[in-house]
C-alpha atoms as a PDB file:
ATOM      1  CA  MET A   1     -25.308 -23.658  11.516  1.00  0.00           C
ATOM      2  CA  ASP A   2     -23.390 -24.355   8.292  1.00  0.00           C
ATOM      3  CA  GLU A   3     -22.239 -21.783   5.751  1.00  0.00           C
ATOM      4  CA  GLU A   4     -24.998 -22.572   3.266  1.00  0.00           C
ATOM      5  CA  GLU A   5     -27.709 -21.879   5.837  1.00  0.00           C
ATOM      6  CA  LEU A   6     -25.914 -18.713   6.980  1.00  0.00           C
ATOM      7  CA  VAL A   7     -25.782 -17.453   3.402  1.00  0.00           C
ATOM      8  CA  LEU A   8     -29.484 -18.112   2.855  1.00  0.00           C
ATOM      9  CA  ARG A   9     -30.343 -16.245   6.051  1.00  0.00           C
ATOM     10  CA  PHE A  10     -27.926 -13.470   5.089  1.00  0.00           C
ATOM     11  CA  GLN A  11     -29.670 -13.080   1.732  1.00  0.00           C
ATOM     12  CA  LYS A  12     -32.939 -12.641   3.638  1.00  0.00           C
ATOM     13  CA  LYS A  13     -31.243  -9.766   5.506  1.00  0.00           C
ATOM     14  CA  ASP A  14     -30.750 -11.647   8.772  1.00  0.00           C
ATOM     15  CA  ILE A  15     -28.340  -9.425  10.703  1.00  0.00           C
ATOM     16  CA  ILE A  16     -27.136 -12.284  12.932  1.00  0.00           C
ATOM     17  CA  ALA A  17     -26.184 -14.352   9.878  1.00  0.00           C
ATOM     18  CA  PHE A  18     -24.383 -11.329   8.483  1.00  0.00           C
ATOM     19  CA  GLU A  19     -22.457 -10.865  11.733  1.00  0.00           C
ATOM     20  CA  LYS A  20     -21.374 -14.514  11.724  1.00  0.00           C
ATOM     21  CA  LEU A  21     -20.214 -14.309   8.110  1.00  0.00           C
ATOM     22  CA  TYR A  22     -18.442 -11.066   8.920  1.00  0.00           C
ATOM     23  CA  GLU A  23     -16.580 -12.754  11.791  1.00  0.00           C
ATOM     24  CA  MET A  24     -15.730 -15.736   9.615  1.00  0.00           C
ATOM     25  CA  TYR A  25     -14.318 -13.769   6.696  1.00  0.00           C
ATOM     26  CA  TRP A  26     -13.144 -10.359   7.962  1.00  0.00           C
ATOM     27  CA  ASP A  27      -9.490 -11.311   8.522  1.00  0.00           C
ATOM     28  CA  ASN A  28      -9.094 -13.105   5.202  1.00  0.00           C
ATOM     29  CA  ILE A  29     -10.795 -10.403   3.160  1.00  0.00           C
ATOM     30  CA  CYS A  30      -8.879  -7.621   4.888  1.00  0.00           C
ATOM     31  CA  GLY A  31      -5.626  -9.527   4.321  1.00  0.00           C
ATOM     32  CA  VAL A  32      -6.271  -9.904   0.611  1.00  0.00           C
ATOM     33  CA  ILE A  33      -7.094  -6.225   0.277  1.00  0.00           C
ATOM     34  CA  ASN A  34      -3.993  -5.289   2.266  1.00  0.00           C
ATOM     35  CA  THR A  35      -1.768  -7.221  -0.164  1.00  0.00           C
ATOM     36  CA  VAL A  36      -3.076  -4.975  -2.933  1.00  0.00           C
ATOM     37  CA  VAL A  37      -3.153  -1.560  -1.218  1.00  0.00           C
ATOM     38  CA  ARG A  38      -0.257  -2.159   1.230  1.00  0.00           C
ATOM     39  CA  ASP A  39      -1.851   0.013   3.898  1.00  0.00           C
ATOM     40  CA  LYS A  40      -3.488  -1.612   6.916  1.00  0.00           C
ATOM     41  CA  PHE A  41      -5.884   1.223   7.694  1.00  0.00           C
ATOM     42  CA  LEU A  42      -6.936   1.683   4.096  1.00  0.00           C
ATOM     43  CA  ALA A  43      -7.426  -2.085   3.807  1.00  0.00           C
ATOM     44  CA  GLU A  44      -9.725  -2.021   6.841  1.00  0.00           C
ATOM     45  CA  GLU A  45     -11.702   0.850   5.345  1.00  0.00           C
ATOM     46  CA  ILE A  46     -12.118  -0.950   2.018  1.00  0.00           C
ATOM     47  CA  THR A  47     -13.078  -4.154   3.842  1.00  0.00           C
ATOM     48  CA  GLN A  48     -15.870  -2.255   5.608  1.00  0.00           C
ATOM     49  CA  ASP A  49     -17.043  -0.975   2.232  1.00  0.00           C
ATOM     50  CA  VAL A  50     -16.952  -4.490   0.812  1.00  0.00           C
ATOM     51  CA  PHE A  51     -19.124  -5.864   3.598  1.00  0.00           C
ATOM     52  CA  THR A  52     -21.571  -2.993   3.144  1.00  0.00           C
ATOM     53  CA  LYS A  53     -21.650  -3.731  -0.565  1.00  0.00           C
ATOM     54  CA  ILE A  54     -22.307  -7.454  -0.130  1.00  0.00           C
ATOM     55  CA  TRP A  55     -25.084  -6.650   2.363  1.00  0.00           C
ATOM     56  CA  ASN A  56     -26.731  -4.321  -0.157  1.00  0.00           C
ATOM     57  CA  LYS A  57     -26.234  -6.735  -3.058  1.00  0.00           C
ATOM     58  CA  SER A  58     -26.786 -10.005  -1.220  1.00  0.00           C
ATOM     59  CA  ASP A  59     -29.432 -11.075  -3.728  1.00  0.00           C
ATOM     60  CA  SER A  60     -26.849 -11.046  -6.536  1.00  0.00           C
ATOM     61  CA  TYR A  61     -24.967 -14.021  -5.026  1.00  0.00           C
ATOM     62  CA  SER A  62     -25.784 -17.377  -6.600  1.00  0.00           C
ATOM     63  CA  PRO A  63     -24.345 -20.645  -5.247  1.00  0.00           C
ATOM     64  CA  LYS A  64     -24.540 -22.008  -8.810  1.00  0.00           C
ATOM     65  CA  LYS A  65     -21.790 -19.603  -9.841  1.00  0.00           C
ATOM     66  CA  GLY A  66     -19.362 -20.465  -7.046  1.00  0.00           C
ATOM     67  CA  ARG A  67     -18.658 -20.435  -3.334  1.00  0.00           C
ATOM     68  CA  PHE A  68     -19.809 -17.533  -1.180  1.00  0.00           C
ATOM     69  CA  PHE A  69     -16.276 -16.814  -0.013  1.00  0.00           C
ATOM     70  CA  THR A  70     -15.068 -16.625  -3.622  1.00  0.00           C
ATOM     71  CA  TRP A  71     -17.858 -14.172  -4.406  1.00  0.00           C
ATOM     72  CA  ILE A  72     -16.817 -11.890  -1.525  1.00  0.00           C
ATOM     73  CA  LEU A  73     -13.158 -12.308  -2.421  1.00  0.00           C
ATOM     74  CA  ASN A  74     -13.761 -11.165  -5.999  1.00  0.00           C
ATOM     75  CA  ILE A  75     -15.680  -8.118  -4.813  1.00  0.00           C
ATOM     76  CA  ALA A  76     -12.887  -7.310  -2.341  1.00  0.00           C
ATOM     77  CA  ARG A  77     -10.105  -7.762  -4.869  1.00  0.00           C
ATOM     78  CA  ASN A  78     -11.908  -5.570  -7.405  1.00  0.00           C
ATOM     79  CA  ALA A  79     -12.533  -2.878  -4.774  1.00  0.00           C
ATOM     80  CA  ALA A  80      -8.849  -2.880  -3.811  1.00  0.00           C
ATOM     81  CA  ILE A  81      -7.700  -2.705  -7.426  1.00  0.00           C
ATOM     82  CA  ASP A  82     -10.187   0.093  -8.133  1.00  0.00           C
ATOM     83  CA  LYS A  83      -8.785   2.034  -5.169  1.00  0.00           C
ATOM     84  CA  VAL A  84      -5.170   1.594  -6.292  1.00  0.00           C
ATOM     85  CA  ARG A  85      -6.070   2.687  -9.810  1.00  0.00           C
ATOM     86  CA  SER A  86      -8.064   5.696  -8.606  1.00  0.00           C
ATOM     87  CA  LYS A  87      -6.708   9.150  -9.327  1.00  0.00           C
ATOM     88  CA  ASP A  88      -6.865  10.285  -5.687  1.00  0.00           C
ATOM     89  CA  TYR A  89      -4.867   7.252  -4.513  1.00  0.00           C
ATOM     90  CA  LYS A  90      -2.162   7.844  -7.121  1.00  0.00           C
ATOM     91  CA  GLU A  91      -1.992  11.533  -6.269  1.00  0.00           C
ATOM     92  CA  GLN A  92      -1.717  10.731  -2.577  1.00  0.00           C
ATOM     93  CA  GLN A  93       1.195   8.384  -3.280  1.00  0.00           C
ATOM     94  CA  LYS A  94       2.931  10.884  -5.540  1.00  0.00           C
ATOM     95  CA  ASN A  95       2.598  13.693  -2.993  1.00  0.00           C
ATOM     96  CA  LEU A  96       5.165  12.043  -0.760  1.00  0.00           C
ATOM     97  CA  SER A  97       8.409  13.789  -1.494  1.00  0.00           C
ATOM     98  CA  ALA A  98      11.925  12.899  -0.504  1.00  0.00           C
ATOM     99  CA  ASP A  99      12.284  16.525   0.635  1.00  0.00           C
ATOM    100  CA  TYR A 100       9.840  15.775   3.436  1.00  0.00           C
ATOM    101  CA  PHE A 101      11.950  12.883   4.670  1.00  0.00           C
ATOM    102  CA  VAL A 102      15.230  14.764   4.268  1.00  0.00           C
ATOM    103  CA  GLY A 103      13.625  17.672   6.149  1.00  0.00           C
ATOM    104  CA  ILE A 104      12.957  15.360   9.069  1.00  0.00           C
ATOM    105  CA  LEU A 105      16.628  14.409   9.099  1.00  0.00           C
ATOM    106  CA  ASN A 106      17.683  18.056   9.140  1.00  0.00           C
ATOM    107  CA  ARG A 107      15.659  18.915  12.245  1.00  0.00           C
ATOM    108  CA  ALA A 108      18.037  19.008  15.172  1.00  0.00           C
ATOM    109  CA  ASP A 109      15.239  19.165  17.720  1.00  0.00           C
ATOM    110  CA  ILE A 110      13.435  15.969  16.683  1.00  0.00           C
ATOM    111  CA  GLY A 111      14.141  14.245  19.971  1.00  0.00           C
ATOM    112  CA  GLN A 112      12.803  17.139  22.029  1.00  0.00           C
ATOM    113  CA  GLN A 113       9.528  17.343  20.094  1.00  0.00           C
ATOM    114  CA  THR A 114       8.732  13.639  20.284  1.00  0.00           C
ATOM    115  CA  ASN A 115      10.048  12.983  23.810  1.00  0.00           C
ATOM    116  CA  GLU A 116      12.304  10.331  22.308  1.00  0.00           C
ATOM    117  CA  PRO A 117      16.085  10.211  22.458  1.00  0.00           C
ATOM    118  CA  GLU A 118      17.775  12.225  19.745  1.00  0.00           C
ATOM    119  CA  ILE A 119      18.960  10.262  16.753  1.00  0.00           C
ATOM    120  CA  ASP A 120      22.259  10.948  15.025  1.00  0.00           C
ATOM    121  CA  THR A 121      21.185  11.196  11.415  1.00  0.00           C
ATOM    122  CA  SER A 122      24.437  12.521   9.981  1.00  0.00           C
ATOM    123  CA  SER A 123      25.369   9.098   8.626  1.00  0.00           C
ATOM    124  CA  LEU A 124      22.045   8.736   6.884  1.00  0.00           C
ATOM    125  CA  GLN A 125      22.408  12.205   5.388  1.00  0.00           C
ATOM    126  CA  LYS A 126      25.848  11.274   4.060  1.00  0.00           C
ATOM    127  CA  LEU A 127      24.422   8.194   2.346  1.00  0.00           C
ATOM    128  CA  VAL A 128      21.845  10.235   0.498  1.00  0.00           C
ATOM    129  CA  LEU A 129      23.915  13.330  -0.165  1.00  0.00           C
ATOM    130  CA  ASN A 130      26.702  11.330  -1.824  1.00  0.00           C
ATOM    131  CA  LEU A 131      24.342  10.122  -4.531  1.00  0.00           C
ATOM    132  CA  LYS A 132      24.192  11.767  -7.930  1.00  0.00           C
ATOM    133  CA  LYS A 133      21.144  13.794  -8.908  1.00  0.00           C
ATOM    134  CA  LYS A 134      19.973  11.021 -11.262  1.00  0.00           C
ATOM    135  CA  CYS A 135      19.972   8.533  -8.381  1.00  0.00           C
ATOM    136  CA  LEU A 136      18.114  10.895  -6.093  1.00  0.00           C
ATOM    137  CA  GLN A 137      15.443  11.396  -8.760  1.00  0.00           C
ATOM    138  CA  ILE A 138      14.946   7.659  -9.273  1.00  0.00           C
ATOM    139  CA  ILE A 139      14.879   6.897  -5.551  1.00  0.00           C
ATOM    140  CA  GLU A 140      12.451   9.723  -4.851  1.00  0.00           C
ATOM    141  CA  LEU A 141      10.034   8.661  -7.579  1.00  0.00           C
ATOM    142  CA  LEU A 142      10.150   4.922  -6.922  1.00  0.00           C
ATOM    143  CA  TYR A 143      10.497   4.741  -3.147  1.00  0.00           C
ATOM    144  CA  PHE A 144       9.141   7.984  -1.715  1.00  0.00           C
ATOM    145  CA  ARG A 145       6.439   8.936  -4.191  1.00  0.00           C
ATOM    146  CA  GLY A 146       5.171   5.475  -5.131  1.00  0.00           C
ATOM    147  CA  PHE A 147       5.755   5.637  -8.881  1.00  0.00           C
ATOM    148  CA  THR A 148       6.043   2.426 -10.845  1.00  0.00           C
ATOM    149  CA  GLN A 149       9.141   2.091 -13.005  1.00  0.00           C
ATOM    150  CA  LYS A 150       6.987   2.724 -16.055  1.00  0.00           C
ATOM    151  CA  GLU A 151       5.538   5.913 -14.524  1.00  0.00           C
ATOM    152  CA  ALA A 152       9.045   7.073 -13.555  1.00  0.00           C
ATOM    153  CA  SER A 153      10.139   6.478 -17.147  1.00  0.00           C
ATOM    154  CA  LYS A 154       7.388   8.781 -18.408  1.00  0.00           C
ATOM    155  CA  GLU A 155       7.991  11.380 -15.687  1.00  0.00           C
ATOM    156  CA  LEU A 156      11.721  11.587 -16.410  1.00  0.00           C
ATOM    157  CA  ASP A 157      11.257  11.094 -20.156  1.00  0.00           C
ATOM    158  CA  ILE A 158      13.794   8.273 -20.301  1.00  0.00           C
ATOM    159  CA  PRO A 159      13.471   4.669 -21.507  1.00  0.00           C
ATOM    160  CA  LEU A 160      12.087   2.093 -19.074  1.00  0.00           C
ATOM    161  CA  GLY A 161      15.293   0.055 -19.335  1.00  0.00           C
ATOM    162  CA  THR A 162      17.283   3.098 -18.215  1.00  0.00           C
ATOM    163  CA  VAL A 163      15.034   3.489 -15.157  1.00  0.00           C
ATOM    164  CA  LYS A 164      15.566  -0.158 -14.247  1.00  0.00           C
ATOM    165  CA  THR A 165      19.329   0.062 -14.715  1.00  0.00           C
ATOM    166  CA  ARG A 166      19.610   3.303 -12.730  1.00  0.00           C
ATOM    167  CA  ASN A 167      17.467   1.868  -9.960  1.00  0.00           C
ATOM    168  CA  ARG A 168      19.719  -1.176  -9.606  1.00  0.00           C
ATOM    169  CA  SER A 169      22.825   0.977  -9.822  1.00  0.00           C
ATOM    170  CA  CYS A 170      21.573   3.503  -7.263  1.00  0.00           C
ATOM    171  CA  ILE A 171      20.504   0.855  -4.773  1.00  0.00           C
ATOM    172  CA  SER A 172      23.886  -0.802  -5.225  1.00  0.00           C
ATOM    173  CA  LYS A 173      25.578   2.541  -4.544  1.00  0.00           C
ATOM    174  CA  LEU A 174      23.479   3.021  -1.401  1.00  0.00           C
ATOM    175  CA  ARG A 175      24.441  -0.452  -0.180  1.00  0.00           C
ATOM    176  CA  LYS A 176      28.095   0.300  -0.832  1.00  0.00           C
ATOM    177  CA  ASN A 177      27.806   3.624   1.021  1.00  0.00           C
ATOM    178  CA  MET A 178      26.138   1.839   3.922  1.00  0.00           C
ATOM    179  CA  THR A 179      28.924  -0.702   4.127  1.00  0.00           C
ATOM    180  CA  LEU A 180      31.574   2.014   4.110  1.00  0.00           C
ATOM    181  CA  GLU A 181      29.729   4.304   6.533  1.00  0.00           C
ATOM    182  CA  TRP A 182      28.909   1.734   9.194  1.00  0.00           C
ATOM    183  CA  LYS A 183      32.165  -0.213   9.273  1.00  0.00           C
END
């Protein structure tokens, strides 16, 4: 059965046609969503929502307007973008704090709690602790809390160019510290 026939049957609410289309397109749609949200599990959840949406709105597809795959892809891309722009997603990203990650490093009993060998994190602590407060702020906002450079600029009330320069400078300092620490 070709795609055109599958789509026609799908639009008539044929569950077998839907299952075949689902199998054909799941990986690609999930992959596209994952490139936007950068979270495998969230991408899978959104992909499920997308397939539910196309099932409920199957009559809105018209082959005159484009390929079926393109139609699904547009719905998926829009769903992913909507999720990334949503207030709850942004809050979730901003709730990650560098303190949480530094706290993990400070726990001496990490190996005992996870049944894994203990990790010497003193070197990693030195890399971070040797940075100036301005660097720690930039790194926390951009890398731990998911801020864009523009959002970090607003949060810190400094020009965007300053954020970009500090980011480059701080990453360079981290690289230098790494080279010195692990020689």
